[in-house]
Amino acid sequence: MKKIIIVLIIISCSTVNAQDQTVKALQNEAGKAIKKDASDTSKKNWKKGGIYSLNISQGSLSNWAAGGDDFSLSINSLLSLYAFYKKDKNSWDNTFDFNLGYVNTTSLGSRKNDDRFDLLSKYGYALNPKLNLSALFNLRSQFFKGYTYANNVATYSSNFMAPGYLLLSAGLDYKPTKNLSIFFSPITTRWVIVRDTALSNKGAYGVTPGKKTNLELGAFATINYLKEISKNITYKGRLDLFSNYRHNPENIDVFMSNILNAKLGKVLSVSWSVDMIYDDDVKLFGTNKNRPALQLKSLVGIGLLLKF
């Protein structure tokens, strides 16, 4: 009987030892680094990102001999997003920008000093490494009511999709570098939309009085440049040119935007934006408010910048 018990103990110990060795072997196997197959050369098809900046400035005066407003507050924000797709000969570039600003002073009261959204989408099929056959979609307008202040008198001038610019175009897109795109189309359709009845009845922005849309056919070019100058400095520029074949084609509409951001710390930054617009049909200026003019806006600010 003792011999049988001794044999069973030996068999049991052998079994436990074998299981222990098996567990150790599995642990060692699981701990090995998984190496990427050398033949796997796949790349990400999407490149996405953007920035959000918020600049705030405030000033107060009391018994200030040099003069000025007793109180002033200015807030400006920018949201800029992009999503670029590239696979084989197909590419799809998308950008969205939204600017909103507000200013309040004791002498002028509260006013909006910036309001614009801009959606640009462009599909391209590569004819060669630097030239694409492309189709482009662009929608540009604002979200809130706008006023002009000639002689400090508020005059209602704009609203959501009043005006709005919807553009469809097909042409060639030249990309000499990864940061620069030059698109040109000899045939482009643009709808000018004035959905506000009070403005459309005046024939604002080139629509026939009482009508809320105006169809334009013309030539279009857009130049886009996006550059990360350094780890902390980025620049984004865009220039749009449009010639309306149906009305004064020599008077070219211009839309230009520039924004330069420089990070001073993890979230602190300084920014400078310059926008220029000339539209021959926007006749809101002059003594009788009946002529077009170059619209210019420049903003410099220090505030928060989030990059993602």
Protein backbone atom coordinates (compact mmCIF):
# COMPACT_ATOMS: atom_id res chain seq x y z
CA MET A 1 0.00 0.00 0.00
CA LYS A 2 2.81 2.40 0.85
CA LYS A 3 4.45 1.69 -2.49
CA ILE A 4 1.21 2.61 -4.31
CA ILE A 5 0.91 5.89 -2.40
CA ILE A 6 4.54 6.78 -3.17
CA VAL A 7 3.99 6.10 -6.91
CA LEU A 8 0.85 8.30 -6.95
CA ILE A 9 2.75 11.16 -5.27
CA ILE A 10 5.57 10.94 -7.85
CA ILE A 11 3.07 10.96 -10.74
CA SER A 12 1.22 13.94 -9.25
CA CYS A 13 4.41 15.98 -8.81
CA SER A 14 5.47 15.21 -12.38
CA THR A 15 2.10 16.37 -13.69
CA VAL A 16 2.22 19.64 -11.72
CA ASN A 17 5.78 20.31 -12.90
CA ALA A 18 4.78 19.69 -16.53
CA GLN A 19 1.83 22.09 -16.22
CA ASP A 20 4.07 24.70 -14.65
CA GLN A 21 6.53 24.45 -17.53
CA THR A 22 3.67 24.76 -20.01
CA VAL A 23 2.36 27.94 -18.32
CA LYS A 24 5.84 29.48 -18.32
CA ALA A 25 6.22 28.69 -22.01
CA LEU A 26 2.90 30.38 -22.80
CA GLN A 27 3.88 33.45 -20.75
CA ASN A 28 7.19 33.76 -22.58
CA GLU A 29 5.48 33.42 -25.95
CA ALA A 30 2.89 36.07 -25.08
CA GLY A 31 5.58 38.48 -23.90
CA LYS A 32 7.39 38.52 -27.23
CA ALA A 33 7.13 41.78 -29.25
CA ILE A 34 4.92 41.59 -32.32
CA LYS A 35 6.93 42.75 -35.32
CA LYS A 36 5.36 44.49 -38.33
CA ASP A 37 5.54 42.56 -41.56
CA ALA A 38 8.16 44.18 -43.79
CA SER A 39 5.79 43.89 -46.75
CA ASP A 40 3.15 46.03 -44.96
CA THR A 41 3.66 49.54 -46.41
CA SER A 42 0.12 50.86 -45.85
CA LYS A 43 -0.31 54.61 -45.15
CA LYS A 44 -3.07 56.65 -43.59
CA ASN A 45 -5.48 57.89 -46.27
CA TRP A 46 -6.89 60.74 -44.15
CA LYS A 47 -5.07 63.71 -42.69
CA LYS A 48 -7.26 65.68 -40.27
CA GLY A 49 -6.74 68.56 -37.89
CA GLY A 50 -7.51 72.15 -37.07
CA ILE A 51 -7.13 75.05 -34.68
CA TYR A 52 -9.38 77.03 -32.38
CA SER A 53 -8.33 80.45 -31.14
CA LEU A 54 -10.00 82.86 -28.73
CA ASN A 55 -8.68 86.39 -28.27
CA ILE A 56 -10.04 88.75 -25.59
CA SER A 57 -9.00 92.34 -24.89
CA GLN A 58 -10.46 94.80 -22.37
CA GLY A 59 -9.67 98.40 -21.52
CA SER A 60 -10.86 100.93 -18.95
CA LEU A 61 -10.21 104.69 -18.59
CA SER A 62 -10.93 107.11 -15.80
CA ASN A 63 -10.09 110.83 -15.96
CA TRP A 64 -7.76 110.06 -18.87
CA ALA A 65 -6.55 113.32 -20.41
CA ALA A 66 -5.67 111.76 -23.75
CA GLY A 67 -9.29 110.77 -24.20
CA GLY A 68 -10.93 107.53 -25.31
CA ASP A 69 -13.73 105.21 -24.27
CA ASP A 70 -14.26 104.62 -20.57
CA PHE A 71 -14.72 100.92 -21.28
CA SER A 72 -14.01 98.61 -24.21
CA LEU A 73 -14.25 94.86 -24.63
CA SER A 74 -13.38 92.84 -27.72
CA ILE A 75 -13.75 89.09 -28.27
CA ASN A 76 -12.72 87.30 -31.46
CA SER A 77 -12.73 83.59 -32.18
CA LEU A 78 -11.69 81.38 -35.07
CA LEU A 79 -12.41 77.71 -35.75
CA SER A 80 -10.47 76.27 -38.68
CA LEU A 81 -10.78 72.57 -39.61
CA TYR A 82 -9.37 70.46 -42.42
CA ALA A 83 -9.69 66.88 -43.66
CA PHE A 84 -7.56 65.74 -46.60
CA TYR A 85 -7.96 62.34 -48.29
CA LYS A 86 -5.43 60.78 -50.63
CA LYS A 87 -5.39 57.28 -52.12
CA ASP A 88 -3.89 56.22 -55.42
CA LYS A 89 -5.00 58.84 -57.98
CA ASN A 90 -7.94 60.10 -55.96
CA SER A 91 -7.84 63.05 -53.55
CA TRP A 92 -10.49 64.93 -51.59
CA ASP A 93 -9.65 68.19 -49.78
CA ASN A 94 -12.07 69.71 -47.28
CA THR A 95 -11.73 72.87 -45.17
CA PHE A 96 -14.15 74.71 -42.89
CA ASP A 97 -13.56 78.13 -41.31
CA PHE A 98 -15.78 80.00 -38.88
CA ASN A 99 -14.94 83.50 -37.62
CA LEU A 100 -16.98 85.34 -35.01
CA GLY A 101 -16.18 88.64 -33.26
CA TYR A 102 -17.85 91.06 -30.89
CA VAL A 103 -16.88 94.51 -29.63
CA ASN A 104 -18.43 96.73 -26.95
CA THR A 105 -17.48 100.33 -26.15
CA THR A 106 -19.14 103.05 -24.09
CA SER A 107 -19.43 105.39 -27.09
CA LEU A 108 -20.50 102.91 -29.79
CA GLY A 109 -22.28 100.21 -27.80
CA SER A 110 -22.26 96.54 -28.79
CA ARG A 111 -21.42 95.53 -32.34
CA LYS A 112 -20.48 92.43 -34.26
CA ASN A 113 -17.10 92.94 -35.91
CA ASP A 114 -16.67 89.54 -37.54
CA ASP A 115 -19.01 86.78 -38.73
CA ARG A 116 -18.23 84.36 -41.53
CA PHE A 117 -18.34 80.66 -42.30
CA ASP A 118 -16.72 79.09 -45.33
CA LEU A 119 -16.96 75.47 -46.48
CA LEU A 120 -14.70 74.35 -49.34
CA SER A 121 -14.66 70.82 -50.76
CA LYS A 122 -12.58 69.73 -53.75
CA TYR A 123 -12.26 66.31 -55.40
CA GLY A 124 -9.35 65.56 -57.69
CA TYR A 125 -8.22 62.79 -60.03
CA ALA A 126 -4.49 62.83 -60.75
CA LEU A 127 -3.45 63.28 -64.38
CA ASN A 128 0.18 63.40 -63.26
CA PRO A 129 1.91 63.87 -59.87
CA LYS A 130 1.23 67.64 -59.82
CA LEU A 131 -1.93 68.12 -61.90
CA ASN A 132 -5.47 66.99 -61.07
CA LEU A 133 -8.75 67.06 -62.94
CA SER A 134 -10.98 68.49 -60.20
CA ALA A 135 -14.49 69.43 -59.16
CA LEU A 136 -15.03 72.08 -56.49
CA PHE A 137 -17.88 73.06 -54.15
CA ASN A 138 -17.88 76.21 -52.01
CA LEU A 139 -20.47 77.70 -49.66
CA ARG A 140 -19.81 81.02 -47.93
CA SER A 141 -22.07 83.16 -45.76
CA GLN A 142 -22.60 84.26 -42.13
CA PHE A 143 -24.80 83.23 -39.19
CA PHE A 144 -26.13 86.44 -37.62
CA LYS A 145 -27.59 89.83 -38.59
CA GLY A 146 -25.14 92.49 -39.72
CA TYR A 147 -25.26 96.29 -39.82
CA THR A 148 -23.24 99.10 -41.33
CA TYR A 149 -22.64 102.21 -39.21
CA ALA A 150 -22.25 105.23 -41.49
CA ASN A 151 -22.21 108.35 -39.27
CA ASN A 152 -22.81 106.02 -36.32
CA VAL A 153 -26.29 105.13 -37.61
CA ALA A 154 -27.05 101.40 -37.76
CA THR A 155 -28.34 100.22 -41.14
CA TYR A 156 -29.44 96.60 -41.61
CA SER A 157 -27.20 95.06 -44.27
CA SER A 158 -26.91 91.27 -43.98
CA ASN A 159 -28.11 88.07 -42.36
CA PHE A 160 -27.78 84.28 -42.59
CA MET A 161 -27.60 83.39 -46.32
CA ALA A 162 -28.18 87.05 -47.16
CA PRO A 163 -25.90 87.09 -48.88
CA GLY A 164 -24.83 83.50 -49.37
CA TYR A 165 -22.54 82.33 -52.15
CA LEU A 166 -22.87 78.82 -53.54
CA LEU A 167 -20.30 77.89 -56.17
CA LEU A 168 -19.88 74.76 -58.31
CA SER A 169 -16.86 74.45 -60.58
CA ALA A 170 -14.89 71.96 -62.67
CA GLY A 171 -11.34 72.54 -63.83
CA LEU A 172 -7.65 71.82 -63.29
CA ASP A 173 -5.88 71.83 -59.93
CA TYR A 174 -2.11 72.35 -59.94
CA LYS A 175 -0.16 71.34 -56.82
CA PRO A 176 3.52 72.20 -57.24
CA THR A 177 4.15 71.47 -53.53
CA LYS A 178 2.21 69.72 -50.77
CA ASN A 179 1.32 73.10 -49.22
CA LEU A 180 0.13 74.95 -52.35
CA SER A 181 -2.91 74.41 -54.56
CA ILE A 182 -3.84 76.49 -57.64
CA PHE A 183 -7.27 75.72 -59.13
CA PHE A 184 -8.64 77.26 -62.33
CA SER A 185 -11.93 76.79 -64.14
CA PRO A 186 -13.13 78.60 -67.30
CA ILE A 187 -16.73 77.54 -66.62
CA THR A 188 -18.11 78.06 -63.12
CA THR A 189 -21.65 78.43 -61.82
CA ARG A 190 -22.26 80.71 -58.84
CA TRP A 191 -25.54 81.40 -57.08
CA VAL A 192 -25.85 84.60 -55.06
CA ILE A 193 -28.55 84.00 -52.43
CA VAL A 194 -30.40 86.72 -50.53
CA ARG A 195 -33.03 84.88 -48.49
CA ASP A 196 -33.99 87.97 -46.43
CA THR A 197 -37.07 89.60 -47.97
CA ALA A 198 -36.21 93.15 -46.84
CA LEU A 199 -32.79 92.93 -48.50
CA SER A 200 -33.93 91.10 -51.64
CA ASN A 201 -36.68 93.69 -52.24
CA LYS A 202 -33.93 96.32 -52.40
CA GLY A 203 -32.00 94.27 -54.96
CA ALA A 204 -29.07 93.93 -52.57
CA TYR A 205 -25.96 92.02 -53.63
CA GLY A 206 -26.92 92.03 -57.31
CA VAL A 207 -30.22 90.12 -57.21
CA THR A 208 -33.21 91.43 -59.14
CA PRO A 209 -35.47 93.33 -56.69
CA GLY A 210 -37.98 90.87 -55.28
CA LYS A 211 -35.89 87.85 -56.30
CA LYS A 212 -33.88 85.87 -53.76
CA THR A 213 -31.27 84.30 -56.04
CA ASN A 214 -29.10 85.38 -58.93
CA LEU A 215 -27.37 82.88 -61.20
CA GLU A 216 -23.92 83.85 -62.47
CA LEU A 217 -21.74 82.06 -65.01
CA GLY A 218 -18.07 82.87 -65.22
CA ALA A 219 -14.41 81.98 -64.75
CA PHE A 220 -13.05 81.11 -61.32
CA ALA A 221 -9.62 80.66 -59.76
CA THR A 222 -8.61 79.90 -56.20
CA ILE A 223 -5.17 79.69 -54.62
CA ASN A 224 -4.83 77.94 -51.26
CA TYR A 225 -1.71 77.78 -49.11
CA LEU A 226 -1.38 76.01 -45.77
CA LYS A 227 2.03 75.93 -44.13
CA GLU A 228 3.42 74.93 -40.76
CA ILE A 229 6.37 77.32 -40.80
CA SER A 230 7.74 75.89 -37.58
CA LYS A 231 6.49 73.86 -34.66
CA ASN A 232 4.83 76.94 -33.20
CA ILE A 233 3.98 79.07 -36.26
CA THR A 234 1.32 78.32 -38.88
CA TYR A 235 0.02 80.32 -41.84
CA LYS A 236 -3.09 79.82 -43.93
CA GLY A 237 -3.88 81.93 -46.97
CA ARG A 238 -6.54 81.88 -49.68
CA LEU A 239 -7.29 84.02 -52.74
CA ASP A 240 -10.50 83.62 -54.81
CA LEU A 241 -11.08 85.40 -58.13
CA PHE A 242 -14.37 85.32 -60.05
CA SER A 243 -15.33 86.98 -63.35
CA ASN A 244 -19.03 87.07 -64.21
CA TYR A 245 -19.42 86.57 -67.98
CA ARG A 246 -22.99 87.86 -67.88
CA HIS A 247 -22.33 91.22 -66.25
CA ASN A 248 -19.19 93.38 -66.31
CA PRO A 249 -16.70 90.50 -66.68
CA GLU A 250 -13.80 92.94 -66.41
CA ASN A 251 -14.81 93.76 -62.80
CA ILE A 252 -13.34 90.75 -61.00
CA ASP A 253 -14.70 89.79 -57.59
CA VAL A 254 -11.95 89.23 -55.03
CA PHE A 255 -12.02 87.30 -51.77
CA MET A 256 -8.77 87.00 -49.82
CA SER A 257 -8.10 85.71 -46.31
CA ASN A 258 -4.87 85.37 -44.35
CA ILE A 259 -4.24 84.11 -40.84
CA LEU A 260 -0.92 83.80 -39.03
CA ASN A 261 -0.75 82.06 -35.64
CA ALA A 262 2.26 81.88 -33.34
CA LYS A 263 2.14 79.86 -30.12
CA LEU A 264 3.81 81.48 -27.11
CA GLY A 265 3.20 78.53 -24.78
CA LYS A 266 1.06 75.44 -24.49
CA VAL A 267 -2.19 77.35 -25.08
CA LEU A 268 -1.17 81.03 -25.30
CA SER A 269 -0.73 82.52 -28.77
CA VAL A 270 -0.66 85.68 -30.84
CA SER A 271 -2.61 85.85 -34.11
CA TRP A 272 -2.96 88.25 -37.02
CA SER A 273 -5.69 87.97 -39.64
CA VAL A 274 -6.19 90.13 -42.74
CA ASP A 275 -9.25 89.78 -45.00
CA MET A 276 -10.01 91.64 -48.22
CA ILE A 277 -13.24 91.49 -50.25
CA TYR A 278 -14.26 93.29 -53.42
CA ASP A 279 -17.61 92.49 -55.04
CA ASP A 280 -18.88 94.77 -57.79
CA ASP A 281 -22.48 93.96 -56.80
CA VAL A 282 -22.10 94.87 -53.11
CA LYS A 283 -23.09 98.54 -53.33
CA LEU A 284 -23.33 99.54 -49.68
CA PHE A 285 -20.74 102.29 -49.59
CA GLY A 286 -20.26 105.91 -50.64
CA THR A 287 -22.29 108.99 -49.76
CA ASN A 288 -25.51 107.52 -51.09
CA LYS A 289 -24.54 103.92 -50.36
CA ASN A 290 -24.72 103.11 -54.06
CA ARG A 291 -21.20 102.06 -55.00
CA PRO A 292 -18.89 99.10 -54.34
CA ALA A 293 -15.61 99.42 -52.45
CA LEU A 294 -12.75 97.29 -51.19
CA GLN A 295 -13.68 95.76 -47.83
CA LEU A 296 -10.69 95.37 -45.52
CA LYS A 297 -10.48 93.81 -42.06
CA SER A 298 -7.36 93.37 -39.92
CA LEU A 299 -7.35 91.83 -36.44
CA VAL A 300 -4.42 91.33 -34.08
CA GLY A 301 -4.89 89.55 -30.80
CA ILE A 302 -3.34 87.57 -27.97
CA GLY A 303 -5.27 84.73 -26.43
CA LEU A 304 -5.82 80.98 -26.38
CA LEU A 305 -4.92 78.64 -29.22
CA LEU A 306 -5.82 74.96 -29.30
CA LYS A 307 -4.30 72.83 -32.04
CA PHE A 308 -5.61 69.37 -32.82
